[in-house]
Amino acid sequence: MSFSATDAAFEGFRVTRQNPAAVLLWSMVWLIGLILSSLLAAPAIMPHMAELQAANGDINALSPEALQAFGLAMAGFVPPLMLAQALVAPAVYRAVLEPEKRRFGFLRLGKTEARMLGVLIILVVVQLVLNVGADLATRGAGAAIGLAGGVIVNLIAFALGLWVAARLSLVAPLTVLRSGLPLVEGWKRSGPIVWPLIGVNVLAVAMALLVGLLLALVAWPMTAAMSGSGAGAGLAALLLMTLMALGFALITVLLWSPFAAILKQLEG
């Protein structure tokens, strides 16, 4: 079955326009996840905050103690966000696939969400393996062939990552409609339409980046206010976290809805 990649890419805007209250509820889920993540990560990271800021993103400049603290902070920061994503993703997909189930902003807590968490963990592991493999291959090619070889291998790895992402893009929305983990079915069904899926993915990411840029411009004054002290800095931090939660909700709707729309067409 053919479908319009452009129409699918803009599905997130339609979902947002038709379900503004649901988007706000999804933002609240993300906000709770962000607050829990911050509370879990803060004890490990705060004693080394000055060193992390001085490193300016260069992980090689950190001491072994700071690296260990950073790892512990990530171990506390990621799980609440994964849980939030496992709750919000099925809600976004229901908004497209089962729009009649709009009570509680399409949010549920059950077996579907548990399966979604499993799917998300698998997808994250696949992405990590691809990233590590691409980094090792790029370094190896750069050392053996030179800069040009590293660039070529990096481009190949990027193309492979896009292809794998497209082949797996129907797995998560299928989880809402199936009783198991539809990894094999999602992989098979994406095969004949992999190139349109890549196009939809590129369009959706471009629109999500635009929305993220606009939100970053809005958040800039809050970030500046956080450098101060007292109640003003605390209020700015809370407002910034709330804006981040809204941004997470909007961006995830833009990124996830298109593939549910494609699946809806394929399901007839």
Protein backbone atom coordinates (compact mmCIF):
# COMPACT_ATOMS: atom_id res chain seq x y z
CA MET A 1 0.00 0.00 0.00
CA SER A 2 1.33 3.45 -0.90
CA PHE A 3 1.16 6.43 1.43
CA SER A 4 2.07 10.08 1.43
CA ALA A 5 5.35 10.66 3.23
CA THR A 6 4.60 14.38 3.54
CA ASP A 7 1.18 13.80 5.10
CA ALA A 8 2.64 11.29 7.53
CA ALA A 9 5.49 13.62 8.50
CA PHE A 10 2.99 16.32 9.49
CA GLU A 11 0.85 13.94 11.56
CA GLY A 12 2.38 15.24 14.78
CA PHE A 13 1.00 18.74 14.15
CA ARG A 14 -2.47 17.27 13.59
CA VAL A 15 -2.29 15.29 16.83
CA THR A 16 -1.14 18.38 18.75
CA ARG A 17 -3.88 20.55 17.25
CA GLN A 18 -6.66 18.04 17.97
CA ASN A 19 -5.48 16.97 21.44
CA PRO A 20 -3.99 19.99 23.25
CA ALA A 21 -5.17 18.76 26.68
CA ALA A 22 -3.54 15.39 26.08
CA VAL A 23 -0.26 17.06 25.10
CA LEU A 24 -0.32 18.96 28.40
CA LEU A 25 -0.86 15.70 30.29
CA TRP A 26 2.06 14.14 28.42
CA SER A 27 4.12 17.17 29.44
CA MET A 28 3.24 16.51 33.07
CA VAL A 29 4.47 12.91 32.74
CA TRP A 30 7.74 14.18 31.28
CA LEU A 31 8.01 16.80 34.05
CA ILE A 32 7.65 14.13 36.74
CA GLY A 33 10.29 12.07 34.95
CA LEU A 34 12.67 15.03 34.76
CA ILE A 35 12.20 15.88 38.44
CA LEU A 36 12.82 12.27 39.52
CA SER A 37 15.85 12.04 37.23
CA SER A 38 17.32 15.23 38.68
CA LEU A 39 16.75 14.07 42.25
CA LEU A 40 18.42 10.72 41.57
CA ALA A 41 21.37 12.18 39.66
CA ALA A 42 22.09 15.19 41.87
CA PRO A 43 23.78 13.42 44.85
CA ALA A 44 26.41 11.87 42.58
CA ILE A 45 27.06 14.81 40.28
CA MET A 46 26.90 17.86 42.55
CA PRO A 47 30.28 17.36 44.32
CA HIS A 48 31.99 17.36 40.90
CA MET A 49 29.93 20.07 39.20
CA ALA A 50 32.80 22.58 39.06
CA GLU A 51 35.08 20.05 37.37
CA LEU A 52 32.37 19.09 34.86
CA GLN A 53 31.79 22.73 33.96
CA ALA A 54 35.52 23.35 33.58
CA ALA A 55 35.84 20.33 31.25
CA ASN A 56 33.36 22.02 28.89
CA GLY A 57 32.14 18.73 27.43
CA ASP A 58 35.59 17.10 27.09
CA ILE A 59 35.19 13.78 28.88
CA ASN A 60 38.95 13.11 28.64
CA ALA A 61 39.59 16.12 30.88
CA LEU A 62 37.69 14.59 33.81
CA SER A 63 39.33 12.87 36.75
CA PRO A 64 38.54 9.19 37.43
CA GLU A 65 36.38 10.25 40.38
CA ALA A 66 34.38 12.66 38.22
CA LEU A 67 33.96 10.01 35.52
CA GLN A 68 32.64 7.56 38.08
CA ALA A 69 30.27 10.19 39.45
CA PHE A 70 29.07 10.98 35.93
CA GLY A 71 28.36 7.28 35.32
CA LEU A 72 26.42 7.01 38.58
CA ALA A 73 24.46 10.16 37.72
CA MET A 74 23.50 8.74 34.32
CA ALA A 75 22.45 5.49 35.99
CA GLY A 76 20.02 7.52 38.09
CA PHE A 77 18.99 9.99 35.39
CA VAL A 78 18.02 7.64 32.56
CA PRO A 79 15.53 5.15 34.13
CA PRO A 80 12.81 7.70 35.09
CA LEU A 81 12.94 9.17 31.58
CA MET A 82 12.67 5.69 30.05
CA LEU A 83 9.61 5.04 32.21
CA ALA A 84 8.10 8.36 31.16
CA GLN A 85 8.72 7.50 27.53
CA ALA A 86 7.11 4.07 28.00
CA LEU A 87 3.98 5.82 29.30
CA VAL A 88 3.82 8.62 26.74
CA ALA A 89 4.69 6.63 23.60
CA PRO A 90 1.59 4.37 23.70
CA ALA A 91 -0.55 7.44 24.40
CA VAL A 92 0.80 9.20 21.32
CA TYR A 93 0.24 6.09 19.20
CA ARG A 94 -3.32 5.68 20.54
CA ALA A 95 -4.06 9.27 19.55
CA VAL A 96 -3.40 8.20 15.95
CA LEU A 97 -4.45 4.55 15.90
CA GLU A 98 -7.29 4.56 18.42
CA PRO A 99 -8.53 8.16 18.68
CA GLU A 100 -11.74 7.08 20.39
CA LYS A 101 -9.75 6.08 23.51
CA ARG A 102 -9.03 9.68 24.49
CA ARG A 103 -9.93 9.52 28.19
CA PHE A 104 -7.06 10.45 30.52
CA GLY A 105 -5.22 11.87 27.52
CA PHE A 106 -4.81 8.36 26.04
CA LEU A 107 -2.60 7.48 29.01
CA ARG A 108 -2.82 4.00 30.53
CA LEU A 109 -0.80 1.86 32.90
CA GLY A 110 -0.80 -1.79 31.92
CA LYS A 111 0.73 -4.55 29.82
CA THR A 112 1.08 -2.35 26.74
CA GLU A 113 3.26 0.09 28.65
CA ALA A 114 5.35 -2.77 30.06
CA ARG A 115 5.88 -4.14 26.55
CA MET A 116 6.71 -0.65 25.29
CA LEU A 117 9.40 -0.34 27.96
CA GLY A 118 10.91 -3.60 26.73
CA VAL A 119 10.82 -2.41 23.12
CA LEU A 120 12.44 0.90 24.06
CA ILE A 121 15.23 -0.84 25.94
CA ILE A 122 15.91 -3.07 22.93
CA LEU A 123 15.93 -0.07 20.57
CA VAL A 124 18.31 1.84 22.85
CA VAL A 125 20.68 -1.14 23.01
CA VAL A 126 20.61 -1.46 19.20
CA GLN A 127 21.38 2.25 18.86
CA LEU A 128 24.26 2.03 21.36
CA VAL A 129 25.75 -0.93 19.51
CA LEU A 130 25.53 0.95 16.21
CA ASN A 131 27.08 4.08 17.72
CA VAL A 132 29.95 2.20 19.35
CA GLY A 133 30.55 0.18 16.19
CA ALA A 134 30.51 3.32 14.04
CA ASP A 135 32.95 5.07 16.37
CA LEU A 136 35.37 2.13 16.38
CA ALA A 137 35.13 1.70 12.60
CA THR A 138 35.69 5.41 11.99
CA ARG A 139 38.71 5.51 14.29
CA GLY A 140 40.15 2.38 12.70
CA ALA A 141 39.65 3.67 9.15
CA GLY A 142 41.13 7.03 10.08
CA ALA A 143 44.21 5.38 11.54
CA ALA A 144 44.66 2.96 8.62
CA ILE A 145 43.69 5.11 5.63
CA GLY A 146 43.68 8.67 6.89
CA LEU A 147 41.12 11.43 7.27
CA ALA A 148 39.34 10.63 4.02
CA GLY A 149 38.87 7.02 5.04
CA GLY A 150 37.44 8.04 8.39
CA VAL A 151 34.99 10.42 6.73
CA ILE A 152 33.82 7.76 4.25
CA VAL A 153 33.32 5.15 6.97
CA ASN A 154 31.49 7.73 9.09
CA LEU A 155 29.09 8.48 6.22
CA ILE A 156 28.50 4.77 5.65
CA ALA A 157 27.80 4.29 9.36
CA PHE A 158 25.37 7.23 9.32
CA ALA A 159 23.51 5.76 6.33
CA LEU A 160 23.39 2.36 8.04
CA GLY A 161 21.98 3.98 11.18
CA LEU A 162 19.21 5.66 9.13
CA TRP A 163 18.38 2.38 7.42
CA VAL A 164 18.19 0.40 10.68
CA ALA A 165 16.08 3.15 12.30
CA ALA A 166 13.65 2.98 9.36
CA ARG A 167 13.45 -0.82 9.51
CA LEU A 168 12.60 -0.64 13.23
CA SER A 169 10.30 2.40 13.05
CA LEU A 170 7.05 0.38 12.97
CA VAL A 171 7.91 -1.81 15.97
CA ALA A 172 6.88 0.67 18.67
CA PRO A 173 3.47 1.63 17.19
CA LEU A 174 2.76 -2.06 16.48
CA THR A 175 3.23 -2.71 20.21
CA VAL A 176 -0.05 -0.87 20.86
CA LEU A 177 -1.94 -3.18 18.48
CA ARG A 178 -0.26 -6.50 19.30
CA SER A 179 -0.03 -8.64 22.42
CA GLY A 180 3.70 -9.40 22.23
CA LEU A 181 6.92 -7.73 21.16
CA PRO A 182 6.44 -7.30 17.38
CA LEU A 183 10.13 -6.98 16.49
CA VAL A 184 10.07 -9.45 13.62
CA GLU A 185 6.75 -8.19 12.22
CA GLY A 186 7.91 -4.57 12.37
CA TRP A 187 11.17 -5.43 10.60
CA LYS A 188 9.37 -7.37 7.84
CA ARG A 189 6.62 -4.81 7.22
CA SER A 190 9.08 -1.94 6.91
CA GLY A 191 11.15 -3.70 4.25
CA PRO A 192 9.09 -2.82 1.14
CA ILE A 193 8.71 0.83 2.23
CA VAL A 194 12.11 1.47 3.80
CA TRP A 195 13.00 4.44 1.56
CA PRO A 196 9.74 6.35 2.19
CA LEU A 197 10.23 5.61 5.90
CA ILE A 198 13.69 7.17 5.76
CA GLY A 199 12.21 10.23 4.08
CA VAL A 200 9.53 10.55 6.76
CA ASN A 201 12.16 10.17 9.47
CA VAL A 202 14.29 12.95 7.97
CA LEU A 203 11.29 15.30 7.64
CA ALA A 204 10.09 14.58 11.18
CA VAL A 205 13.56 15.13 12.66
CA ALA A 206 13.91 18.42 10.75
CA MET A 207 10.60 19.70 12.14
CA ALA A 208 11.44 18.50 15.65
CA LEU A 209 14.79 20.31 15.49
CA LEU A 210 13.01 23.51 14.44
CA VAL A 211 10.61 23.25 17.38
CA GLY A 212 13.54 22.49 19.69
CA LEU A 213 15.39 25.57 18.45
CA LEU A 214 12.38 27.80 19.09
CA LEU A 215 12.02 26.39 22.61
CA ALA A 216 15.74 26.91 23.23
CA LEU A 217 15.36 30.58 22.34
CA VAL A 218 12.49 30.88 24.81
CA ALA A 219 14.49 29.05 27.49
CA TRP A 220 17.63 31.19 27.14
CA PRO A 221 16.52 33.93 29.61
CA MET A 222 15.64 31.23 32.18
CA THR A 223 19.07 29.63 31.77
CA ALA A 224 20.70 33.02 32.36
CA ALA A 225 18.58 33.56 35.48
CA MET A 226 19.68 30.21 36.92
CA SER A 227 23.26 31.51 37.22
CA GLY A 228 22.14 33.73 40.09
CA SER A 229 21.14 32.68 43.58
CA GLY A 230 18.13 32.69 45.85
CA ALA A 231 14.45 32.23 45.04
CA GLY A 232 14.82 33.71 41.57
CA ALA A 233 17.28 31.04 40.48
CA GLY A 234 15.10 28.28 41.92
CA LEU A 235 12.01 29.61 40.15
CA ALA A 236 13.96 29.90 36.89
CA ALA A 237 15.10 26.29 37.25
CA LEU A 238 11.53 25.10 37.79
CA LEU A 239 10.26 27.10 34.82
CA LEU A 240 13.08 25.77 32.67
CA MET A 241 12.29 22.19 33.64
CA THR A 242 8.60 22.78 32.87
CA LEU A 243 9.50 24.17 29.46
CA MET A 244 11.79 21.19 28.86
CA ALA A 245 8.91 18.84 29.69
CA LEU A 246 6.66 20.65 27.21
CA GLY A 247 9.44 20.46 24.64
CA PHE A 248 9.85 16.73 25.24
CA ALA A 249 6.11 16.24 24.71
CA LEU A 250 5.97 18.30 21.50
CA ILE A 251 9.12 16.81 20.00
CA THR A 252 8.15 13.23 20.77
CA VAL A 253 4.72 13.79 19.20
CA LEU A 254 6.40 15.12 16.05
CA LEU A 255 8.85 12.19 15.95
CA TRP A 256 6.52 9.32 16.83
CA SER A 257 3.15 10.19 15.29
CA PRO A 258 4.21 9.83 11.62
CA PHE A 259 4.99 6.13 11.97
CA ALA A 260 1.68 5.44 13.69
CA ALA A 261 -0.03 7.23 10.78
CA ILE A 262 1.85 5.05 8.29
CA LEU A 263 0.93 1.91 10.23
CA LYS A 264 -2.73 3.01 10.26
CA GLN A 265 -2.68 3.18 6.47
CA LEU A 266 -0.94 -0.19 6.19
CA GLU A 267 -3.49 -1.75 8.53
CA GLY A 268 -6.26 -0.46 6.26
